[in-house]
Amino acid sequence: MSARSWLVAALIWVALGSTVDAQTYTPQSSARLTVSFTTERVGSGRVIVFGDVRNGANIPCERVIVSVEGHDDGGRVISRGRSYVFGVVPSRGTSPFEVRMSSPGTEKRWRVEIESFQYVSSSGN
């Protein structure tokens, strides 16, 4: 192997080593987050889904995204929407959300769930 090949290999190794160190993933369960909601039709073809996310954990959550699906009689998804929850969901507290979406008006039931979230880091980083 030539000196240049060794140099390229060393640079790739250094670059990959620092990238791997920076990418730490810790799976988090949303089991401690619950959603309550109501729906309201606004004019023709519009629905507002609003409610609260309750955090049952001992640590606040942030960057919470709520997803909404409207289902017809057969259970098919006929409308979708998503939105961030306002601010931080405090430990043992609630935060509101609102999702405005287009709707065909034939939804028979709604599914609202936590799409993603992040616990607030206590390390100060």
N, C-alpha and C. Protein backbone atom coordinates (compact mmCIF):
# COMPACT_ATOMS: atom_id res chain seq x y z
N MET A 1 0.85 -1.17 0.00
CA MET A 1 0.00 0.00 0.00
C MET A 1 0.89 1.23 0.00
N SER A 2 0.56 2.20 -0.82
CA SER A 2 1.39 3.40 -0.93
C SER A 2 1.15 4.32 0.27
N ALA A 3 2.04 5.28 0.42
CA ALA A 3 1.92 6.25 1.52
C ALA A 3 0.63 7.04 1.39
N ARG A 4 0.27 7.35 0.16
CA ARG A 4 -0.97 8.11 -0.06
C ARG A 4 -2.19 7.28 0.36
N SER A 5 -2.21 5.99 0.04
CA SER A 5 -3.31 5.10 0.42
C SER A 5 -3.42 5.01 1.94
N TRP A 6 -2.26 4.92 2.62
CA TRP A 6 -2.27 4.88 4.08
C TRP A 6 -2.84 6.17 4.66
N LEU A 7 -2.47 7.29 4.06
CA LEU A 7 -2.97 8.58 4.53
C LEU A 7 -4.48 8.67 4.37
N VAL A 8 -4.99 8.26 3.21
CA VAL A 8 -6.43 8.28 2.96
C VAL A 8 -7.15 7.36 3.95
N ALA A 9 -6.62 6.15 4.16
CA ALA A 9 -7.22 5.20 5.09
C ALA A 9 -7.23 5.77 6.52
N ALA A 10 -6.14 6.42 6.91
CA ALA A 10 -6.06 7.01 8.25
C ALA A 10 -7.07 8.14 8.42
N LEU A 11 -7.21 8.98 7.40
CA LEU A 11 -8.17 10.07 7.46
C LEU A 11 -9.61 9.55 7.55
N ILE A 12 -9.91 8.52 6.80
CA ILE A 12 -11.25 7.91 6.86
C ILE A 12 -11.48 7.32 8.24
N TRP A 13 -10.50 6.63 8.79
CA TRP A 13 -10.63 6.04 10.11
C TRP A 13 -10.88 7.11 11.17
N VAL A 14 -10.15 8.21 11.11
CA VAL A 14 -10.33 9.31 12.07
C VAL A 14 -11.72 9.92 11.92
N ALA A 15 -12.14 10.14 10.67
CA ALA A 15 -13.45 10.75 10.43
C ALA A 15 -14.57 9.84 10.93
N LEU A 16 -14.48 8.55 10.64
CA LEU A 16 -15.50 7.61 11.10
C LEU A 16 -15.49 7.46 12.60
N GLY A 17 -14.32 7.45 13.18
CA GLY A 17 -14.22 7.32 14.64
C GLY A 17 -14.90 8.45 15.36
N SER A 18 -14.71 9.69 14.91
CA SER A 18 -15.35 10.82 15.58
C SER A 18 -16.84 10.88 15.29
N THR A 19 -17.27 10.40 14.12
CA THR A 19 -18.69 10.37 13.80
C THR A 19 -19.41 9.35 14.66
N VAL A 20 -18.82 8.19 14.83
CA VAL A 20 -19.44 7.14 15.63
C VAL A 20 -19.57 7.59 17.07
N ASP A 21 -18.57 8.26 17.61
CA ASP A 21 -18.63 8.74 18.98
C ASP A 21 -19.75 9.75 19.18
N ALA A 22 -20.05 10.56 18.18
CA ALA A 22 -21.04 11.62 18.31
C ALA A 22 -22.47 11.13 18.13
N GLN A 23 -22.67 9.94 17.61
CA GLN A 23 -24.01 9.45 17.33
C GLN A 23 -24.42 8.41 18.35
N THR A 24 -25.00 8.86 19.44
CA THR A 24 -25.50 7.96 20.47
C THR A 24 -27.01 7.99 20.42
N TYR A 25 -27.64 6.84 20.34
CA TYR A 25 -29.09 6.75 20.26
C TYR A 25 -29.61 5.93 21.42
N THR A 26 -30.51 6.51 22.18
CA THR A 26 -31.13 5.81 23.28
C THR A 26 -32.63 5.76 23.02
N PRO A 27 -33.20 4.59 22.75
CA PRO A 27 -34.64 4.51 22.50
C PRO A 27 -35.43 4.96 23.72
N GLN A 28 -36.51 5.67 23.46
CA GLN A 28 -37.37 6.15 24.54
C GLN A 28 -38.79 5.71 24.26
N SER A 29 -39.48 5.26 25.27
CA SER A 29 -40.85 4.82 25.13
C SER A 29 -41.80 5.97 25.45
N SER A 30 -42.86 6.09 24.66
CA SER A 30 -43.86 7.13 24.91
C SER A 30 -44.97 6.62 25.82
N ALA A 31 -44.74 5.50 26.50
CA ALA A 31 -45.77 4.89 27.35
C ALA A 31 -46.24 5.85 28.46
N ARG A 32 -45.39 6.76 28.90
CA ARG A 32 -45.76 7.69 29.98
C ARG A 32 -46.48 8.93 29.45
N LEU A 33 -46.62 9.05 28.12
CA LEU A 33 -47.31 10.18 27.52
C LEU A 33 -48.69 9.73 27.04
N THR A 34 -49.74 10.43 27.47
CA THR A 34 -51.09 10.10 27.03
C THR A 34 -51.72 11.32 26.38
N VAL A 35 -52.68 11.07 25.50
CA VAL A 35 -53.31 12.13 24.72
C VAL A 35 -54.82 12.13 24.98
N SER A 36 -55.38 13.31 25.20
CA SER A 36 -56.83 13.48 25.21
C SER A 36 -57.14 14.56 24.17
N PHE A 37 -58.26 14.40 23.46
CA PHE A 37 -58.53 15.34 22.36
C PHE A 37 -60.02 15.43 22.06
N THR A 38 -60.37 16.48 21.33
CA THR A 38 -61.71 16.66 20.77
C THR A 38 -61.52 17.16 19.34
N THR A 39 -62.56 17.00 18.53
CA THR A 39 -62.52 17.47 17.15
C THR A 39 -63.64 18.48 16.93
N GLU A 40 -63.39 19.39 16.01
CA GLU A 40 -64.38 20.41 15.67
C GLU A 40 -64.31 20.68 14.17
N ARG A 41 -65.45 20.59 13.51
CA ARG A 41 -65.52 20.93 12.08
C ARG A 41 -65.58 22.43 11.93
N VAL A 42 -64.80 22.95 10.99
CA VAL A 42 -64.74 24.39 10.74
C VAL A 42 -65.04 24.58 9.25
N GLY A 43 -66.25 25.02 8.93
CA GLY A 43 -66.61 25.19 7.53
C GLY A 43 -66.63 23.84 6.82
N SER A 44 -66.60 23.89 5.51
CA SER A 44 -66.59 22.63 4.77
C SER A 44 -65.14 22.26 4.45
N GLY A 45 -64.81 21.03 4.74
CA GLY A 45 -63.49 20.53 4.39
C GLY A 45 -62.38 20.85 5.37
N ARG A 46 -62.69 21.33 6.57
CA ARG A 46 -61.65 21.63 7.56
C ARG A 46 -62.04 21.04 8.92
N VAL A 47 -61.04 20.53 9.64
CA VAL A 47 -61.23 20.01 10.99
C VAL A 47 -60.11 20.54 11.87
N ILE A 48 -60.45 20.86 13.10
CA ILE A 48 -59.44 21.19 14.10
C ILE A 48 -59.50 20.10 15.17
N VAL A 49 -58.35 19.50 15.42
CA VAL A 49 -58.22 18.52 16.50
C VAL A 49 -57.39 19.20 17.57
N PHE A 50 -57.97 19.34 18.76
CA PHE A 50 -57.21 19.98 19.82
C PHE A 50 -57.34 19.19 21.10
N GLY A 51 -56.30 19.29 21.92
CA GLY A 51 -56.30 18.53 23.16
C GLY A 51 -55.06 18.78 23.97
N ASP A 52 -54.73 17.81 24.81
CA ASP A 52 -53.59 17.90 25.71
C ASP A 52 -52.77 16.62 25.68
N VAL A 53 -51.48 16.78 25.90
CA VAL A 53 -50.58 15.64 26.13
C VAL A 53 -50.22 15.67 27.60
N ARG A 54 -50.46 14.56 28.28
CA ARG A 54 -50.13 14.43 29.70
C ARG A 54 -48.86 13.61 29.84
N ASN A 55 -47.93 14.13 30.63
CA ASN A 55 -46.65 13.48 30.87
C ASN A 55 -46.67 12.85 32.25
N GLY A 56 -46.67 11.53 32.32
CA GLY A 56 -46.67 10.83 33.60
C GLY A 56 -45.28 10.53 34.13
N ALA A 57 -44.27 10.97 33.42
CA ALA A 57 -42.88 10.71 33.83
C ALA A 57 -42.40 11.77 34.81
N ASN A 58 -41.28 11.49 35.44
CA ASN A 58 -40.67 12.43 36.38
C ASN A 58 -39.68 13.38 35.71
N ILE A 59 -39.71 13.43 34.39
CA ILE A 59 -38.80 14.30 33.64
C ILE A 59 -39.61 14.97 32.53
N PRO A 60 -39.38 16.27 32.28
CA PRO A 60 -40.14 16.96 31.22
C PRO A 60 -39.79 16.44 29.83
N CYS A 61 -40.71 16.65 28.89
CA CYS A 61 -40.51 16.26 27.48
C CYS A 61 -40.56 17.51 26.61
N GLU A 62 -39.85 17.46 25.51
CA GLU A 62 -39.87 18.55 24.56
C GLU A 62 -39.92 17.97 23.15
N ARG A 63 -40.11 18.85 22.17
CA ARG A 63 -40.16 18.44 20.76
C ARG A 63 -41.17 17.32 20.53
N VAL A 64 -42.31 17.42 21.20
CA VAL A 64 -43.35 16.41 21.08
C VAL A 64 -44.16 16.69 19.82
N ILE A 65 -44.31 15.66 18.98
CA ILE A 65 -45.12 15.77 17.77
C ILE A 65 -46.30 14.82 17.91
N VAL A 66 -47.50 15.36 17.65
CA VAL A 66 -48.73 14.59 17.69
C VAL A 66 -49.17 14.34 16.25
N SER A 67 -49.54 13.10 15.93
CA SER A 67 -50.08 12.80 14.60
C SER A 67 -51.55 12.42 14.73
N VAL A 68 -52.32 12.79 13.71
CA VAL A 68 -53.77 12.57 13.70
C VAL A 68 -54.14 11.86 12.41
N GLU A 69 -55.00 10.86 12.52
CA GLU A 69 -55.55 10.18 11.34
C GLU A 69 -57.06 10.11 11.50
N GLY A 70 -57.77 10.44 10.42
CA GLY A 70 -59.21 10.27 10.37
C GLY A 70 -59.52 9.00 9.59
N HIS A 71 -60.38 8.13 10.14
CA HIS A 71 -60.70 6.85 9.51
C HIS A 71 -62.16 6.82 9.08
N ASP A 72 -62.44 6.16 7.96
CA ASP A 72 -63.82 6.00 7.49
C ASP A 72 -64.44 4.76 8.13
N ASP A 73 -65.66 4.39 7.67
CA ASP A 73 -66.36 3.21 8.22
C ASP A 73 -65.54 1.93 8.10
N GLY A 74 -64.79 1.80 7.02
CA GLY A 74 -64.00 0.59 6.79
C GLY A 74 -62.65 0.60 7.48
N GLY A 75 -62.32 1.66 8.20
CA GLY A 75 -61.04 1.74 8.90
C GLY A 75 -59.91 2.30 8.06
N ARG A 76 -60.21 2.73 6.82
CA ARG A 76 -59.18 3.32 5.96
C ARG A 76 -58.86 4.74 6.42
N VAL A 77 -57.60 5.12 6.30
CA VAL A 77 -57.18 6.49 6.62
C VAL A 77 -57.61 7.39 5.47
N ILE A 78 -58.41 8.42 5.79
CA ILE A 78 -58.88 9.34 4.74
C ILE A 78 -58.42 10.77 4.97
N SER A 79 -57.84 11.04 6.14
CA SER A 79 -57.25 12.36 6.39
C SER A 79 -56.12 12.21 7.40
N ARG A 80 -55.13 13.11 7.29
CA ARG A 80 -53.96 13.06 8.17
C ARG A 80 -53.50 14.47 8.50
N GLY A 81 -52.89 14.58 9.67
CA GLY A 81 -52.28 15.84 10.06
C GLY A 81 -51.29 15.59 11.18
N ARG A 82 -50.47 16.59 11.45
CA ARG A 82 -49.52 16.49 12.55
C ARG A 82 -49.14 17.88 13.00
N SER A 83 -48.67 17.97 14.25
CA SER A 83 -48.30 19.26 14.79
C SER A 83 -47.41 19.07 16.02
N TYR A 84 -46.61 20.09 16.29
CA TYR A 84 -45.85 20.12 17.53
C TYR A 84 -46.76 20.48 18.69
N VAL A 85 -46.47 19.94 19.86
CA VAL A 85 -47.13 20.35 21.09
C VAL A 85 -46.50 21.67 21.51
N PHE A 86 -47.30 22.58 22.03
CA PHE A 86 -46.80 23.90 22.44
C PHE A 86 -45.85 23.76 23.62
N GLY A 87 -44.61 24.22 23.46
CA GLY A 87 -43.64 24.27 24.55
C GLY A 87 -43.20 22.92 25.07
N VAL A 88 -42.82 22.92 26.33
CA VAL A 88 -42.35 21.72 27.03
C VAL A 88 -43.51 21.11 27.80
N VAL A 89 -43.61 19.78 27.77
CA VAL A 89 -44.61 19.10 28.59
C VAL A 89 -43.95 18.82 29.94
N PRO A 90 -44.39 19.53 30.99
CA PRO A 90 -43.71 19.39 32.27
C PRO A 90 -43.88 18.00 32.89
N SER A 91 -42.97 17.67 33.79
CA SER A 91 -43.08 16.43 34.54
C SER A 91 -44.41 16.41 35.28
N ARG A 92 -45.16 15.33 35.13
CA ARG A 92 -46.46 15.16 35.79
C ARG A 92 -47.46 16.27 35.42
N GLY A 93 -47.28 16.86 34.23
CA GLY A 93 -48.15 17.95 33.80
C GLY A 93 -48.67 17.74 32.39
N THR A 94 -49.31 18.78 31.85
CA THR A 94 -49.88 18.71 30.50
C THR A 94 -49.47 19.93 29.68
N SER A 95 -49.54 19.77 28.36
CA SER A 95 -49.36 20.87 27.42
C SER A 95 -50.37 20.69 26.28
N PRO A 96 -50.89 21.80 25.77
CA PRO A 96 -51.92 21.71 24.71
C PRO A 96 -51.32 21.52 23.33
N PHE A 97 -52.17 21.05 22.41
CA PHE A 97 -51.81 20.97 21.00
C PHE A 97 -53.04 21.28 20.17
N GLU A 98 -52.80 21.63 18.92
CA GLU A 98 -53.87 21.90 17.97
C GLU A 98 -53.39 21.49 16.58
N VAL A 99 -54.21 20.70 15.89
CA VAL A 99 -53.89 20.26 14.54
C VAL A 99 -55.03 20.71 13.63
N ARG A 100 -54.70 21.56 12.66
CA ARG A 100 -55.69 22.01 11.66
C ARG A 100 -55.42 21.22 10.39
N MET A 101 -56.49 20.63 9.84
CA MET A 101 -56.29 19.78 8.68
C MET A 101 -57.48 19.78 7.74
N SER A 102 -57.21 19.42 6.49
CA SER A 102 -58.27 19.24 5.50
C SER A 102 -59.00 17.95 5.81
N SER A 103 -60.30 17.92 5.47
CA SER A 103 -61.10 16.74 5.78
C SER A 103 -62.18 16.56 4.73
N PRO A 104 -62.40 15.29 4.30
CA PRO A 104 -63.51 15.05 3.39
C PRO A 104 -64.86 15.08 4.11
N GLY A 105 -64.84 15.04 5.43
CA GLY A 105 -66.07 15.11 6.21
C GLY A 105 -66.73 13.78 6.46
N THR A 106 -66.10 12.68 6.07
CA THR A 106 -66.69 11.36 6.25
C THR A 106 -65.98 10.51 7.31
N GLU A 107 -65.12 11.12 8.11
CA GLU A 107 -64.43 10.39 9.17
C GLU A 107 -65.44 9.90 10.20
N LYS A 108 -65.27 8.66 10.62
CA LYS A 108 -66.13 8.08 11.65
C LYS A 108 -65.40 7.96 12.98
N ARG A 109 -64.08 7.89 12.92
CA ARG A 109 -63.30 7.86 14.15
C ARG A 109 -61.94 8.47 13.89
N TRP A 110 -61.28 8.84 14.98
CA TRP A 110 -59.99 9.52 14.90
C TRP A 110 -58.96 8.76 15.70
N ARG A 111 -57.74 8.78 15.20
CA ARG A 111 -56.61 8.19 15.92
C ARG A 111 -55.60 9.31 16.14
N VAL A 112 -55.30 9.58 17.39
CA VAL A 112 -54.34 10.62 17.75
C VAL A 112 -53.28 9.97 18.63
N GLU A 113 -52.01 10.14 18.25
CA GLU A 113 -50.94 9.50 19.01
C GLU A 113 -49.67 10.34 18.99
N ILE A 114 -48.77 10.00 19.89
CA ILE A 114 -47.46 10.64 19.95
C ILE A 114 -46.61 10.06 18.84
N GLU A 115 -46.16 10.93 17.92
CA GLU A 115 -45.29 10.48 16.83
C GLU A 115 -43.84 10.45 17.27
N SER A 116 -43.41 11.49 17.97
CA SER A 116 -42.03 11.53 18.47
C SER A 116 -41.94 12.53 19.62
N PHE A 117 -40.88 12.41 20.39
CA PHE A 117 -40.65 13.30 21.53
C PHE A 117 -39.22 13.11 22.00
N GLN A 118 -38.83 13.96 22.94
CA GLN A 118 -37.50 13.85 23.53
C GLN A 118 -37.61 14.28 24.97
N TYR A 119 -37.02 13.48 25.88
CA TYR A 119 -36.95 13.91 27.27
C TYR A 119 -35.95 15.04 27.38
N VAL A 120 -36.22 16.01 28.23
CA VAL A 120 -35.31 17.13 28.42
C VAL A 120 -34.09 16.61 29.16
N SER A 121 -32.93 16.92 28.62
CA SER A 121 -31.67 16.46 29.22
C SER A 121 -31.40 17.22 30.49
N SER A 122 -31.04 16.51 31.54
CA SER A 122 -30.72 17.15 32.81
C SER A 122 -29.23 17.45 32.93
N SER A 123 -28.46 17.09 31.90
CA SER A 123 -27.00 17.28 31.95
C SER A 123 -26.60 18.70 31.61
N GLY A 124 -27.54 19.51 31.13
CA GLY A 124 -27.21 20.90 30.80
C GLY A 124 -26.58 21.07 29.45
N ASN A 125 -26.51 20.02 28.63
CA ASN A 125 -25.91 20.10 27.30
C ASN A 125 -26.89 20.63 26.29
